[in-house]
Protein backbone atom coordinates (compact mmCIF):
# COMPACT_ATOMS: atom_id res chain seq x y z
CA MET A 1 100.91 -102.27 -56.71
CA THR A 2 98.78 -102.67 -59.83
CA GLU A 3 99.13 -106.44 -59.70
CA TYR A 4 98.10 -106.52 -56.03
CA VAL A 5 95.04 -104.26 -56.47
CA THR A 6 93.79 -106.26 -59.45
CA THR A 7 93.76 -109.41 -57.30
CA ARG A 8 91.36 -107.77 -54.82
CA SER A 9 87.56 -108.06 -55.15
CA PHE A 10 85.67 -104.77 -54.95
CA THR A 11 82.22 -106.28 -55.47
CA GLU A 12 81.13 -105.57 -51.89
CA PRO A 13 81.99 -101.81 -51.92
CA MET A 14 80.18 -101.45 -55.24
CA PHE A 15 77.18 -103.37 -53.91
CA VAL A 16 76.99 -101.22 -50.78
CA PHE A 17 77.20 -98.02 -52.85
CA VAL A 18 74.32 -99.10 -55.09
CA THR A 19 72.03 -100.39 -52.32
CA MET A 20 72.47 -97.31 -50.15
CA ILE A 21 71.41 -94.99 -52.96
CA ILE A 22 68.40 -97.06 -54.03
CA ALA A 23 67.23 -97.67 -50.45
CA ALA A 24 67.38 -93.95 -49.59
CA THR A 25 65.04 -92.82 -52.36
CA ARG A 26 61.69 -91.33 -51.42
CA PRO A 27 59.53 -94.29 -52.57
CA ILE A 28 61.51 -96.75 -50.42
CA LEU A 29 61.71 -94.43 -47.41
CA THR A 30 58.00 -93.62 -47.54
CA THR A 31 57.15 -97.31 -47.68
CA ALA A 32 59.48 -98.08 -44.76
CA ALA A 33 58.04 -95.25 -42.65
CA THR A 34 54.52 -96.46 -43.40
CA LEU A 35 55.51 -99.98 -42.38
CA VAL A 36 56.99 -98.73 -39.12
CA GLN A 37 53.85 -96.73 -38.36
CA ALA A 38 51.67 -99.75 -39.11
CA PHE A 39 53.62 -101.91 -36.66
CA THR A 40 53.48 -99.12 -34.10
CA LYS A 41 49.68 -99.31 -34.06
CA LEU A 42 49.91 -102.97 -33.05
CA LEU A 43 51.93 -102.19 -29.92
CA PRO A 44 50.53 -101.23 -26.51
CA PHE A 45 52.81 -98.18 -26.60
CA ARG A 46 51.49 -95.14 -28.43
CA GLY A 47 53.01 -92.03 -29.94
CA SER A 48 56.73 -91.45 -30.15
CA ILE A 49 57.55 -94.27 -27.69
CA GLY A 50 55.94 -96.91 -29.88
CA PHE A 51 57.33 -95.34 -33.04
CA CYS A 52 60.90 -95.32 -31.65
CA LEU A 53 60.57 -98.90 -30.40
CA THR A 54 59.29 -100.12 -33.75
CA MET A 55 61.88 -98.20 -35.76
CA LEU A 56 64.82 -99.50 -33.69
CA THR A 57 63.47 -103.06 -33.96
CA ILE A 58 61.86 -103.53 -37.38
CA VAL A 59 64.30 -101.55 -39.54
CA PRO A 60 67.50 -103.29 -38.27
CA LEU A 61 65.86 -106.70 -38.70
CA LEU A 62 64.67 -105.62 -42.13
CA GLY A 63 68.37 -105.28 -42.92
CA SER A 64 68.52 -109.05 -43.27
CA LEU A 65 66.49 -108.65 -46.46
CA ILE A 66 67.57 -105.27 -47.88
CA THR A 67 71.15 -105.47 -46.46
CA GLU A 68 72.59 -103.67 -43.46
CA PRO A 69 73.78 -100.54 -45.36
CA ALA A 70 70.26 -100.03 -46.68
CA ALA A 71 68.75 -100.59 -43.23
CA MET A 72 71.20 -98.12 -41.70
CA THR A 73 70.29 -95.54 -44.32
CA LEU A 74 66.57 -96.00 -43.74
CA ALA A 75 66.84 -95.89 -39.95
CA ALA A 76 69.15 -92.87 -39.92
CA LEU A 77 66.88 -90.87 -42.23
CA ILE A 78 63.79 -91.78 -40.18
CA LEU A 79 65.61 -90.87 -36.96
CA ALA A 80 66.73 -87.56 -38.43
CA LYS A 81 63.23 -86.55 -39.47
CA HIS A 82 61.16 -87.81 -36.55
CA PHE A 83 63.53 -87.45 -33.57
CA TYR A 84 66.87 -85.74 -34.15
CA SER A 85 65.25 -82.72 -35.79
CA LYS A 86 63.17 -82.26 -32.63
CA ASP A 87 64.37 -80.73 -29.39
CA ILE A 88 65.75 -83.89 -27.76
CA SER A 89 68.68 -84.15 -25.39
CA LEU A 90 72.19 -84.98 -26.50
CA LYS A 91 72.09 -87.99 -24.17
CA LEU A 92 69.10 -89.43 -26.02
CA LYS A 93 70.79 -88.82 -29.38
CA TYR A 94 73.86 -90.80 -28.38
CA ALA A 95 71.78 -93.54 -26.74
CA THR A 96 69.64 -94.07 -29.85
CA LEU A 97 72.76 -93.94 -32.04
CA GLY A 98 74.46 -96.62 -29.95
CA VAL A 99 71.42 -98.90 -29.99
CA LEU A 100 70.93 -98.31 -33.71
CA PHE A 101 74.53 -99.25 -34.55
CA VAL A 102 74.44 -102.43 -32.46
CA ASN A 103 70.98 -103.48 -33.67
CA VAL A 104 71.90 -102.98 -37.31
CA SER A 105 75.13 -104.93 -36.86
CA ILE A 106 73.35 -107.96 -35.39
CA GLY A 107 70.03 -107.49 -37.21
CA GLY A 108 71.51 -108.50 -40.55
CA THR A 109 72.51 -111.97 -39.38
CA LEU A 110 69.21 -113.65 -40.28
CA THR A 111 70.50 -114.18 -43.83
CA PRO A 112 73.98 -114.86 -45.26
CA PHE A 113 74.08 -111.89 -47.68
CA ALA A 114 73.02 -108.84 -45.64
CA ALA A 115 75.77 -108.29 -43.04
CA PRO A 116 79.25 -107.51 -44.43
CA PRO A 117 81.09 -109.70 -41.84
CA VAL A 118 78.83 -112.64 -42.70
CA LEU A 119 78.97 -111.98 -46.43
CA MET A 120 82.76 -112.25 -46.28
CA VAL A 121 82.67 -115.85 -45.04
CA ALA A 122 79.27 -117.30 -45.98
CA SER A 123 80.21 -118.76 -49.36
CA LYS A 124 83.50 -120.26 -48.20
CA TRP A 125 82.05 -121.75 -45.02
CA ASN A 126 78.77 -122.81 -46.72
CA TRP A 127 76.52 -120.80 -44.42
CA ASP A 128 73.04 -120.66 -46.00
CA VAL A 129 69.78 -119.00 -44.88
CA HIS A 130 68.71 -121.98 -42.73
CA PHE A 131 72.05 -122.06 -40.95
CA MET A 132 71.95 -118.33 -40.23
CA LEU A 133 68.39 -118.43 -38.90
CA VAL A 134 69.04 -121.41 -36.63
CA THR A 135 72.50 -120.36 -35.45
CA PHE A 136 72.38 -116.56 -35.35
CA GLY A 137 68.97 -115.24 -36.36
CA TRP A 138 66.70 -115.97 -33.40
CA LYS A 139 69.37 -114.84 -30.96
CA ALA A 140 69.76 -111.58 -32.87
CA VAL A 141 65.99 -110.97 -32.75
CA ILE A 142 65.96 -111.39 -28.97
CA ALA A 143 68.91 -109.01 -28.53
CA VAL A 144 67.46 -106.38 -30.90
CA VAL A 145 64.09 -106.39 -29.14
CA THR A 146 65.73 -106.26 -25.70
CA ASN A 147 67.95 -103.32 -26.65
CA SER A 148 65.05 -101.35 -28.10
CA ILE A 149 62.76 -101.96 -25.13
CA ALA A 150 65.50 -101.01 -22.67
CA LEU A 151 66.12 -97.70 -24.45
CA VAL A 152 62.47 -96.61 -24.68
CA LEU A 153 61.84 -97.55 -21.05
CA PHE A 154 64.89 -95.61 -19.86
CA PHE A 155 63.98 -92.50 -21.90
CA ARG A 156 60.19 -92.88 -21.77
CA LYS A 157 59.59 -89.52 -20.06
CA GLU A 158 61.54 -87.59 -22.69
CA LEU A 159 60.12 -89.59 -25.58
CA GLN A 160 56.57 -88.85 -24.44
CA ASN A 161 57.19 -85.16 -25.19
CA VAL A 162 58.42 -85.79 -28.75
CA VAL A 163 55.80 -85.27 -31.45
CA THR A 164 56.61 -87.50 -34.42
CA SER A 165 55.59 -86.37 -37.89
CA GLU A 166 53.02 -88.28 -39.86
CA THR A 167 53.46 -89.16 -43.51
CA THR A 168 52.26 -86.11 -45.42
CA GLN A 169 50.43 -85.86 -48.68
CA THR A 170 53.47 -84.47 -50.49
CA GLN A 171 55.46 -87.59 -49.59
CA ARG A 172 53.06 -90.03 -51.20
CA VAL A 173 54.34 -91.88 -54.22
CA PRO A 174 52.33 -93.86 -56.81
CA LEU A 175 52.16 -97.54 -55.90
CA THR A 176 53.50 -98.57 -59.30
CA LEU A 177 56.64 -96.48 -58.81
CA VAL A 178 57.12 -97.94 -55.33
CA LEU A 179 56.90 -101.48 -56.72
CA VAL A 180 59.41 -100.64 -59.45
CA HIS A 181 61.85 -99.27 -56.87
CA LEU A 182 61.43 -102.39 -54.73
CA ALA A 183 62.00 -104.56 -57.79
CA PHE A 184 65.29 -102.76 -58.50
CA LEU A 185 66.37 -103.15 -54.87
CA ILE A 186 65.49 -106.86 -54.84
CA GLY A 187 67.27 -107.36 -58.16
CA VAL A 188 70.44 -105.77 -56.81
CA VAL A 189 70.31 -107.97 -53.69
CA VAL A 190 69.69 -111.15 -55.70
CA PHE A 191 72.69 -110.43 -57.95
CA SER A 192 74.86 -109.05 -55.13
CA HIS A 193 77.77 -111.32 -56.16
CA HIS A 194 77.64 -110.27 -59.82
CA SER A 195 78.79 -106.69 -60.17
CA ALA A 196 78.26 -106.54 -63.93
CA ILE A 197 74.55 -107.24 -63.42
CA PHE A 198 73.72 -105.10 -60.39
CA VAL A 199 75.71 -102.15 -61.74
CA GLY A 200 73.74 -102.47 -64.97
CA LEU A 201 70.51 -102.45 -62.99
CA PHE A 202 71.74 -99.37 -61.16
CA LEU A 203 72.35 -97.52 -64.43
CA PHE A 204 68.78 -98.26 -65.50
CA PHE A 205 67.64 -97.08 -62.07
CA ILE A 206 69.41 -93.74 -62.55
CA GLY A 207 67.40 -93.34 -65.73
CA LEU A 208 64.21 -94.02 -63.78
CA ILE A 209 65.14 -91.37 -61.23
CA HIS A 210 65.54 -88.73 -63.93
CA ALA A 211 62.33 -89.79 -65.65
CA TYR A 212 60.25 -89.13 -62.50
CA PRO A 213 62.03 -86.33 -60.57
CA LYS A 214 58.75 -85.18 -59.01
CA PHE A 215 58.76 -88.20 -56.69
CA GLN A 216 62.43 -88.10 -55.75
CA ASP A 217 64.65 -86.32 -53.25
CA ARG A 218 68.40 -85.74 -53.35
CA LEU A 219 70.29 -88.98 -53.93
CA ILE A 220 72.70 -89.69 -51.05
CA VAL A 221 75.69 -90.09 -53.34
CA ARG A 222 78.09 -88.43 -50.90
CA GLU A 223 77.07 -90.64 -47.98
CA ALA A 224 77.19 -93.78 -50.13
CA LEU A 225 80.64 -92.89 -51.44
CA LEU A 226 81.93 -92.48 -47.89
CA VAL A 227 80.92 -96.04 -47.03
CA ALA A 228 82.02 -97.49 -50.38
CA PHE A 229 85.48 -95.93 -50.21
CA PHE A 230 85.78 -97.05 -46.60
CA LEU A 231 85.08 -100.65 -47.59
CA ALA A 232 87.35 -100.42 -50.63
CA GLY A 233 90.13 -99.25 -48.34
CA LEU A 234 89.58 -102.29 -46.13
CA VAL A 235 89.83 -104.57 -49.15
CA VAL A 236 93.14 -103.00 -50.15
CA LEU A 237 94.67 -102.72 -46.69
CA GLY A 238 93.11 -105.86 -45.16
CA GLY A 239 95.22 -108.18 -47.24
CA GLN A 240 98.34 -106.74 -45.60
CA GLN A 241 97.18 -107.44 -42.03
CA GLN A 242 97.40 -111.24 -42.12
CA TRP A 243 100.90 -111.27 -40.64
CA TRP A 244 99.57 -110.39 -37.18
CA LEU A 245 95.83 -111.14 -37.14
CA LYS A 246 96.15 -114.66 -38.55
CA GLN A 247 98.74 -115.69 -35.99
CA LEU A 248 96.72 -114.06 -33.22
CA LEU A 249 93.59 -116.03 -34.11
CA LEU A 250 95.42 -119.35 -34.26
CA ASN A 251 96.62 -118.92 -30.67
CA MET A 252 93.09 -118.43 -29.24
CA ASN A 253 90.37 -120.77 -28.04
CA ASN A 254 86.63 -120.29 -28.63
CA ASP A 255 86.00 -118.11 -25.59
CA SER A 256 88.99 -115.86 -26.06
CA VAL A 257 88.37 -115.34 -29.78
CA PHE A 258 84.80 -114.27 -29.01
CA VAL A 259 85.97 -111.55 -26.62
CA ALA A 260 88.92 -110.61 -28.82
CA ALA A 261 86.66 -110.29 -31.87
CA ILE A 262 84.44 -107.81 -30.02
CA ILE A 263 87.45 -105.71 -29.05
CA LEU A 264 89.34 -105.95 -32.35
CA THR A 265 86.21 -105.10 -34.32
CA ALA A 266 86.30 -101.59 -32.85
CA PHE A 267 89.69 -101.01 -34.50
CA THR A 268 89.74 -103.19 -37.61
CA ASP A 269 86.08 -103.35 -38.81
CA ASN A 270 84.16 -106.60 -38.36
CA ALA A 271 84.11 -107.44 -42.08
CA ALA A 272 87.90 -107.19 -42.29
CA LEU A 273 88.23 -109.35 -39.19
CA THR A 274 86.00 -112.16 -40.43
CA TYR A 275 87.57 -111.97 -43.90
CA LEU A 276 91.00 -112.57 -42.41
CA GLY A 277 89.55 -115.40 -40.34
CA SER A 278 88.19 -117.02 -43.51
CA VAL A 279 91.69 -117.40 -44.94
CA VAL A 280 92.76 -119.50 -41.96
CA GLU A 281 92.34 -123.20 -42.70
CA GLY A 282 91.31 -125.87 -40.23
CA LEU A 283 89.10 -123.78 -37.93
CA SER A 284 86.39 -125.65 -36.02
CA GLU A 285 82.70 -124.77 -36.43
CA THR A 286 82.49 -123.42 -32.89
CA PHE A 287 85.56 -121.27 -33.52
CA LYS A 288 83.99 -119.86 -36.69
CA TYR A 289 80.79 -119.10 -34.80
CA SER A 290 82.67 -117.37 -31.98
CA LEU A 291 84.63 -115.24 -34.44
CA VAL A 292 81.58 -114.02 -36.39
CA ALA A 293 79.36 -113.66 -33.31
CA GLY A 294 81.95 -111.51 -31.59
CA ALA A 295 82.51 -109.47 -34.72
CA VAL A 296 78.82 -108.61 -35.21
CA ALA A 297 78.24 -108.05 -31.47
CA GLY A 298 80.99 -105.40 -31.39
CA GLY A 299 79.85 -103.69 -34.59
CA GLY A 300 78.40 -100.66 -32.82
CA LEU A 301 81.29 -99.68 -30.57
CA THR A 302 82.96 -97.26 -33.00
CA ILE A 303 82.27 -95.57 -36.31
CA ILE A 304 84.61 -97.93 -38.15
CA ALA A 305 83.46 -101.12 -36.39
CA ASN A 306 80.81 -101.89 -39.01
CA ALA A 307 80.74 -100.79 -42.65
CA PRO A 308 77.26 -99.14 -42.54
CA ASN A 309 78.18 -96.98 -39.51
CA PRO A 310 79.89 -94.19 -41.50
CA GLY A 311 76.76 -93.91 -43.63
CA GLY A 312 74.62 -93.42 -40.54
CA ILE A 313 77.05 -90.84 -39.17
CA ALA A 314 77.06 -88.97 -42.49
CA ILE A 315 73.27 -88.60 -42.28
CA LEU A 316 72.99 -87.75 -38.57
CA ARG A 317 76.13 -85.77 -37.82
CA ASP A 318 74.45 -82.43 -38.62
CA TYR A 319 72.30 -82.84 -35.50
CA PHE A 320 75.26 -83.05 -33.10
CA ASP A 321 77.33 -80.22 -31.63
CA MET A 322 79.70 -78.77 -34.24
CA GLN A 323 78.58 -81.59 -36.56
CA GLN A 324 80.86 -84.02 -34.74
CA VAL A 325 80.08 -87.34 -33.05
CA SER A 326 82.27 -87.97 -30.01
CA PRO A 327 83.95 -91.41 -30.27
CA LEU A 328 84.04 -91.74 -26.47
CA ARG A 329 80.35 -90.92 -26.02
CA LEU A 330 79.43 -93.30 -28.82
CA LEU A 331 81.48 -96.05 -27.16
CA LEU A 332 79.78 -95.50 -23.80
CA ALA A 333 76.33 -95.42 -25.41
CA ALA A 334 76.98 -98.61 -27.38
CA LEU A 335 78.40 -100.61 -24.46
CA PRO A 336 75.08 -101.66 -22.84
CA PRO A 337 73.47 -102.94 -26.07
CA THR A 338 76.78 -104.57 -27.03
CA ILE A 339 76.83 -106.48 -23.73
CA ILE A 340 73.24 -107.63 -24.31
CA ALA A 341 74.10 -108.80 -27.83
CA ALA A 342 77.22 -110.60 -26.58
CA LEU A 343 75.26 -112.38 -23.83
CA ALA A 344 72.59 -113.44 -26.34
CA PHE A 345 75.10 -114.89 -28.80
CA ARG A 346 77.17 -116.57 -26.10
CA TYR A 347 74.63 -118.09 -23.73
CA LEU A 348 71.39 -118.61 -25.68
């Protein structure tokens, strides 16, 4: 057992843990909320409709730069404060959760380091930023925008009655401290493949947090640990699933693997699925695309379908009945945006 575990790489769980905590600090969240509000003013929609549309579009796409776990954390915290804490229907909560999960899953595909299922295969398959933008990125943007517009149009009457909070004076953080936080986050992303460096940066960051507690909120250590342990479990258990997944993939064509990847993602996690696909030699480029496209398209169907999903649930679950998110309702809410994402990746 010891020999097997030491052959596994736990860099990704550690990276996710660090980025979630840094991205959820008050300076980063305040900056993100300000950015969302600034984009909202450029839209023809005003008030909560424009704010919801911008948040469900900009933040998931921002995940291609700050990573999907960080984008999920930002979006979930913004949703909790500006919408879920208000008197909105349970139907709207599940609808926004489904769109958020799908948009975050596909919104991180503009770069090769942000989405866990892409990160698992990018280095081995030589997928760089240009490849991701040309092959996945523009399709993901179209699907994210379509999903967000569809949701706000369907729930426009209810959203019109929601009063979103403005950034208050007590939330403001000195610009210098914001820039320092962003520098730490960028540094962690740049050295995402070198755990010794980004963990060292994180330790310095903890010191910064304690030096300026006036401008900080509670660190989301619990939520970050949930996601990190989830990913670490996939790393340990995923290596033992090759006996059936590998053979299954080899017996499929491009179309069937695309559909199968969407379905299997709901049960195995998309990062685990693409990781197992990366160990199969001799796959064609179209087969690789179908596998990853299906995996990211199905990343919102269940809580375990995409690594950042448990982090979002950990933040938002308090706003649901009995602090529980129904798997069936989440599946039904995520189906329409999943279909849109699948159509975009398959036919565009």
